[in-house]
């Protein structure tokens, strides 16, 4: 145990959490809309999922990603 494995920090950032939350909301609403046969809402949720991906990418580039200057990792 002389060299503990360091956490690579994958996904533990405001950019990642924001993107995942937006996409999960889109998937949850889209699944319900698919079940209820509401095609326009299903396609709106597909767009929402794409928006979540774009928002996560933008936040990462602005500095809220794992190695960004505006992100400070929390101690466990």
Protein backbone atom coordinates (compact mmCIF):
# COMPACT_ATOMS: atom_id res chain seq x y z
CA UNK A 1 0.00 0.00 0.00
CA UNK A 2 2.89 2.34 -0.61
CA UNK A 3 1.31 3.89 -3.73
CA UNK A 4 -2.45 4.38 -3.47
CA UNK A 5 -4.39 4.57 -6.71
CA UNK A 6 -5.30 8.19 -7.39
CA UNK A 7 -8.82 9.09 -8.41
CA UNK A 8 -8.68 10.16 -12.07
CA UNK A 9 -11.59 12.56 -11.47
CA UNK A 10 -13.78 11.32 -14.28
CA UNK A 11 -17.21 12.89 -14.09
CA UNK A 12 -16.91 14.61 -10.73
CA UNK A 13 -17.31 18.18 -11.92
CA UNK A 14 -20.10 20.74 -12.23
CA UNK A 15 -19.99 20.41 -16.02
CA UNK A 16 -20.48 16.64 -15.92
CA UNK A 17 -23.20 16.73 -13.27
CA UNK A 18 -25.14 19.46 -15.11
CA UNK A 19 -24.95 17.58 -18.41
CA UNK A 20 -26.04 14.30 -16.83
CA UNK A 21 -28.97 15.86 -14.95
CA UNK A 22 -30.27 17.61 -18.09
CA UNK A 23 -29.97 14.41 -20.11
CA UNK A 24 -31.62 12.28 -17.40
CA UNK A 25 -34.59 14.65 -17.29
CA UNK A 26 -34.85 14.40 -21.08
CA UNK A 27 -34.69 10.60 -20.97
CA UNK A 28 -37.27 10.34 -18.17
CA UNK A 29 -39.79 12.65 -19.83
CA UNK A 30 -39.08 11.14 -23.25
CA UNK A 31 -39.71 7.64 -21.95
CA UNK A 32 -43.06 8.69 -20.52
CA UNK A 33 -43.96 10.47 -23.74
CA UNK A 34 -43.03 7.40 -25.76
CA UNK A 35 -45.20 5.22 -23.53
CA UNK A 36 -48.13 7.67 -23.88
CA UNK A 37 -47.56 7.94 -27.67
CA UNK A 38 -46.82 11.68 -27.84
CA UNK A 39 -44.32 11.91 -30.74
CA UNK A 40 -43.70 15.65 -30.59
CA UNK A 41 -42.69 15.39 -26.93
CA UNK A 42 -40.41 12.43 -27.64
CA UNK A 43 -38.56 14.43 -30.29
CA UNK A 44 -38.45 17.47 -28.02
CA UNK A 45 -36.74 15.31 -25.41
CA UNK A 46 -34.23 14.10 -27.99
CA UNK A 47 -33.37 17.76 -28.57
CA UNK A 48 -33.15 18.28 -24.78
CA UNK A 49 -30.67 15.40 -24.51
CA UNK A 50 -28.54 17.01 -27.24
CA UNK A 51 -28.75 20.35 -25.41
CA UNK A 52 -27.50 18.64 -22.24
CA UNK A 53 -24.48 17.35 -24.13
CA UNK A 54 -23.76 20.81 -25.54
CA UNK A 55 -24.18 22.49 -22.13
CA UNK A 56 -21.75 20.04 -20.56
CA UNK A 57 -19.21 20.66 -23.31
CA UNK A 58 -19.54 24.45 -22.99
CA UNK A 59 -19.22 24.35 -19.19
CA UNK A 60 -16.14 22.18 -19.53
CA UNK A 61 -14.54 24.63 -21.95
CA UNK A 62 -15.43 27.61 -19.73
CA UNK A 63 -13.52 26.03 -16.85
CA UNK A 64 -15.98 23.94 -14.86
CA UNK A 65 -14.60 20.62 -16.11
CA UNK A 66 -12.44 18.22 -14.10
CA UNK A 67 -9.16 20.02 -14.77
CA UNK A 68 -10.65 23.47 -15.25
CA UNK A 69 -9.49 26.53 -13.32
CA UNK A 70 -12.94 27.18 -11.80
CA UNK A 71 -13.30 23.66 -10.39
CA UNK A 72 -11.90 22.70 -7.00
CA UNK A 73 -12.16 19.00 -6.12
CA UNK A 74 -13.67 18.11 -2.76
CA UNK A 75 -11.82 15.90 -0.29
CA UNK A 76 -13.47 12.58 0.48
